[in-house]
Amino acid sequence: QIVESGGGLVQPGGSLRLSCETSAFILENYVMAWFRQAPGKDREGVSYIRSDGSSTAFADSVKGRFTISRDNAKNAVYLQMNNLQPEDTGVYYCAADLDYGKPSLFAHEYDIWGQGTQVTVSS
């Protein structure tokens, strides 16, 4: 139901912009989040944005480098990733949860998931 795009191979210090879109439901009622999973590691919350865009949060490991935004008119969410490092490598997933006012970066609280897009940071 959710489709991510924009992943790829990038050198350290480079940038990528991930997109998350769906035609199956209206995103404007949902908290939207990005998670990532590196090989052999647990899924990690990266960032979320409230349904109206009024609040965002980021994992400490990406603060100052990543930004999250949404365009409810386009039914899309974006993750701008700058100054990428090898430790950012992983599969990035977009997820949605109805906005009840208590957003989080806990994966178990999100009901709808995309298939993921691979991000590889390597020289």
C-alpha atoms as a PDB file:
ATOM      1  CA  GLN A   1       0.000   0.000   0.000  1.00  0.00           C
ATOM      2  CA  ILE A   2       2.971   2.301   0.559  1.00  0.00           C
ATOM      3  CA  VAL A   3       5.707   2.664  -2.036  1.00  0.00           C
ATOM      4  CA  GLU A   4       9.155   4.010  -1.228  1.00  0.00           C
ATOM      5  CA  SER A   5      11.577   5.274  -3.829  1.00  0.00           C
ATOM      6  CA  GLY A   6      14.799   7.198  -4.108  1.00  0.00           C
ATOM      7  CA  GLY A   7      17.284   4.776  -2.639  1.00  0.00           C
ATOM      8  CA  GLY A   8      20.570   3.925  -4.266  1.00  0.00           C
ATOM      9  CA  LEU A   9      24.331   3.901  -3.959  1.00  0.00           C
ATOM     10  CA  VAL A  10      26.009   7.092  -2.814  1.00  0.00           C
ATOM     11  CA  GLN A  11      29.497   8.028  -1.655  1.00  0.00           C
ATOM     12  CA  PRO A  12      30.137   9.184   1.913  1.00  0.00           C
ATOM     13  CA  GLY A  13      29.159  12.822   2.257  1.00  0.00           C
ATOM     14  CA  GLY A  14      26.561  12.523  -0.474  1.00  0.00           C
ATOM     15  CA  SER A  15      22.799  13.045  -0.377  1.00  0.00           C
ATOM     16  CA  LEU A  16      19.653  11.186  -1.243  1.00  0.00           C
ATOM     17  CA  ARG A  17      15.982  12.062  -1.079  1.00  0.00           C
ATOM     18  CA  LEU A  18      13.580   9.259  -0.312  1.00  0.00           C
ATOM     19  CA  SER A  19       9.916   9.467  -1.231  1.00  0.00           C
ATOM     20  CA  CYS A  20       6.942   7.638   0.199  1.00  0.00           C
ATOM     21  CA  GLU A  21       3.644   7.615  -1.638  1.00  0.00           C
ATOM     22  CA  THR A  22       0.372   5.756  -1.656  1.00  0.00           C
ATOM     23  CA  SER A  23      -2.888   5.784  -3.551  1.00  0.00           C
ATOM     24  CA  ALA A  24      -4.557   3.392  -1.113  1.00  0.00           C
ATOM     25  CA  PHE A  25      -5.440   5.849   1.642  1.00  0.00           C
ATOM     26  CA  ILE A  26      -5.211   9.524   2.610  1.00  0.00           C
ATOM     27  CA  LEU A  27      -1.929  10.282   4.364  1.00  0.00           C
ATOM     28  CA  GLU A  28      -3.115  13.507   5.986  1.00  0.00           C
ATOM     29  CA  ASN A  29      -4.658  11.595   8.911  1.00  0.00           C
ATOM     30  CA  TYR A  30      -1.495   9.661   9.662  1.00  0.00           C
ATOM     31  CA  VAL A  31       1.766  10.090  11.438  1.00  0.00           C
ATOM     32  CA  MET A  32       4.364   9.118   8.871  1.00  0.00           C
ATOM     33  CA  ALA A  33       7.718   7.705   9.822  1.00  0.00           C
ATOM     34  CA  TRP A  34      10.897   6.363   8.344  1.00  0.00           C
ATOM     35  CA  PHE A  35      12.683   3.351   9.743  1.00  0.00           C
ATOM     36  CA  ARG A  36      15.817   1.590   8.604  1.00  0.00           C
ATOM     37  CA  GLN A  37      17.346  -1.808   9.039  1.00  0.00           C
ATOM     38  CA  ALA A  38      20.979  -2.645   8.515  1.00  0.00           C
ATOM     39  CA  PRO A  39      22.105  -6.238   7.914  1.00  0.00           C
ATOM     40  CA  GLY A  40      22.129  -8.162  11.178  1.00  0.00           C
ATOM     41  CA  LYS A  41      20.576  -5.310  13.152  1.00  0.00           C
ATOM     42  CA  ASP A  42      17.143  -4.485  14.488  1.00  0.00           C
ATOM     43  CA  ARG A  43      14.851  -2.058  12.712  1.00  0.00           C
ATOM     44  CA  GLU A  44      15.610   1.483  13.891  1.00  0.00           C
ATOM     45  CA  GLY A  45      13.329   4.492  13.963  1.00  0.00           C
ATOM     46  CA  VAL A  46      14.831   7.358  11.956  1.00  0.00           C
ATOM     47  CA  SER A  47      12.221  10.115  11.906  1.00  0.00           C
ATOM     48  CA  TYR A  48       8.534  10.880  12.115  1.00  0.00           C
ATOM     49  CA  ILE A  49       6.250  13.757  11.160  1.00  0.00           C
ATOM     50  CA  ARG A  50       2.781  14.461  12.571  1.00  0.00           C
ATOM     51  CA  SER A  51      -0.246  14.384  10.315  1.00  0.00           C
ATOM     52  CA  ASP A  52      -0.329  18.170   9.924  1.00  0.00           C
ATOM     53  CA  GLY A  53       3.430  18.557   9.859  1.00  0.00           C
ATOM     54  CA  SER A  54       3.421  20.421  13.166  1.00  0.00           C
ATOM     55  CA  SER A  55       5.952  18.197  14.857  1.00  0.00           C
ATOM     56  CA  THR A  56       8.900  16.079  13.827  1.00  0.00           C
ATOM     57  CA  ALA A  57      11.440  13.927  15.595  1.00  0.00           C
ATOM     58  CA  PHE A  58      14.735  12.346  14.653  1.00  0.00           C
ATOM     59  CA  ALA A  59      17.021   9.658  15.952  1.00  0.00           C
ATOM     60  CA  ASP A  60      20.145  11.122  17.527  1.00  0.00           C
ATOM     61  CA  SER A  61      22.268   9.448  14.866  1.00  0.00           C
ATOM     62  CA  VAL A  62      20.694  11.508  12.070  1.00  0.00           C
ATOM     63  CA  LYS A  63      19.935  14.840  13.755  1.00  0.00           C
ATOM     64  CA  GLY A  64      21.296  17.747  11.774  1.00  0.00           C
ATOM     65  CA  ARG A  65      21.724  15.627   8.652  1.00  0.00           C
ATOM     66  CA  PHE A  66      18.230  14.363   7.807  1.00  0.00           C
ATOM     67  CA  THR A  67      15.013  16.292   7.368  1.00  0.00           C
ATOM     68  CA  ILE A  68      11.478  14.973   6.970  1.00  0.00           C
ATOM     69  CA  SER A  69       8.644  16.700   5.166  1.00  0.00           C
ATOM     70  CA  ARG A  70       5.243  15.925   3.772  1.00  0.00           C
ATOM     71  CA  ASP A  71       2.983  17.200   1.040  1.00  0.00           C
ATOM     72  CA  ASN A  72      -0.526  16.135   1.903  1.00  0.00           C
ATOM     73  CA  ALA A  73      -1.828  17.516  -1.371  1.00  0.00           C
ATOM     74  CA  LYS A  74       0.403  15.015  -3.158  1.00  0.00           C
ATOM     75  CA  ASN A  75      -0.198  12.309  -0.561  1.00  0.00           C
ATOM     76  CA  ALA A  76       3.547  11.980  -0.107  1.00  0.00           C
ATOM     77  CA  VAL A  77       6.270  12.107   2.527  1.00  0.00           C
ATOM     78  CA  TYR A  78       9.946  12.731   1.971  1.00  0.00           C
ATOM     79  CA  LEU A  79      13.212  12.096   3.784  1.00  0.00           C
ATOM     80  CA  GLN A  80      16.102  14.301   2.744  1.00  0.00           C
ATOM     81  CA  MET A  81      19.368  12.703   3.768  1.00  0.00           C
ATOM     82  CA  ASN A  82      22.543  14.775   3.665  1.00  0.00           C
ATOM     83  CA  ASN A  83      26.134  14.004   4.606  1.00  0.00           C
ATOM     84  CA  LEU A  84      25.435  10.303   4.371  1.00  0.00           C
ATOM     85  CA  GLN A  85      27.852   7.965   6.101  1.00  0.00           C
ATOM     86  CA  PRO A  86      28.505   4.222   5.745  1.00  0.00           C
ATOM     87  CA  GLU A  87      26.589   3.592   8.962  1.00  0.00           C
ATOM     88  CA  ASP A  88      23.469   4.958   7.254  1.00  0.00           C
ATOM     89  CA  THR A  89      23.456   1.936   4.964  1.00  0.00           C
ATOM     90  CA  GLY A  90      20.345  -0.192   5.170  1.00  0.00           C
ATOM     91  CA  VAL A  91      16.852  -0.754   3.892  1.00  0.00           C
ATOM     92  CA  TYR A  92      14.680   2.272   4.565  1.00  0.00           C
ATOM     93  CA  TYR A  93      11.004   1.736   5.257  1.00  0.00           C
ATOM     94  CA  CYS A  94       8.128   4.167   5.297  1.00  0.00           C
ATOM     95  CA  ALA A  95       5.354   3.508   7.812  1.00  0.00           C
ATOM     96  CA  ALA A  96       2.016   5.027   8.769  1.00  0.00           C
ATOM     97  CA  ASP A  97       0.018   5.201  11.975  1.00  0.00           C
ATOM     98  CA  LEU A  98      -3.213   7.077  12.635  1.00  0.00           C
ATOM     99  CA  ASP A  99      -2.423  10.292  14.491  1.00  0.00           C
ATOM    100  CA  TYR A 100      -3.804   9.984  18.025  1.00  0.00           C
ATOM    101  CA  GLY A 101      -1.509  12.669  19.355  1.00  0.00           C
ATOM    102  CA  LYS A 102       1.294  10.472  20.701  1.00  0.00           C
ATOM    103  CA  PRO A 103       3.672   9.752  17.843  1.00  0.00           C
ATOM    104  CA  SER A 104       6.776   7.693  18.412  1.00  0.00           C
ATOM    105  CA  LEU A 105       9.646   5.943  16.712  1.00  0.00           C
ATOM    106  CA  PHE A 106       8.625   2.516  17.966  1.00  0.00           C
ATOM    107  CA  ALA A 107       8.074   0.202  15.023  1.00  0.00           C
ATOM    108  CA  HIS A 108       5.392  -1.859  16.749  1.00  0.00           C
ATOM    109  CA  GLU A 109       3.089   1.174  16.881  1.00  0.00           C
ATOM    110  CA  TYR A 110       2.930   1.488  13.082  1.00  0.00           C
ATOM    111  CA  ASP A 111       0.304  -0.468  11.203  1.00  0.00           C
ATOM    112  CA  ILE A 112       1.071   0.147   7.548  1.00  0.00           C
ATOM    113  CA  TRP A 113       4.469  -0.475   5.982  1.00  0.00           C
ATOM    114  CA  GLY A 114       6.107  -0.199   2.632  1.00  0.00           C
ATOM    115  CA  GLN A 115       8.433  -2.767   1.098  1.00  0.00           C
ATOM    116  CA  GLY A 116      11.524  -0.647   1.632  1.00  0.00           C
ATOM    117  CA  THR A 117      14.207   0.923  -0.508  1.00  0.00           C
ATOM    118  CA  GLN A 118      17.910   0.118  -0.274  1.00  0.00           C
ATOM    119  CA  VAL A 119      20.378   2.849   0.651  1.00  0.00           C
ATOM    120  CA  THR A 120      24.057   2.008   0.352  1.00  0.00           C
ATOM    121  CA  VAL A 121      26.752   4.465   1.370  1.00  0.00           C
ATOM    122  CA  SER A 122      30.143   3.370   0.173  1.00  0.00           C
ATOM    123  CA  SER A 123      33.201   4.677  -1.574  1.00  0.00           C
END
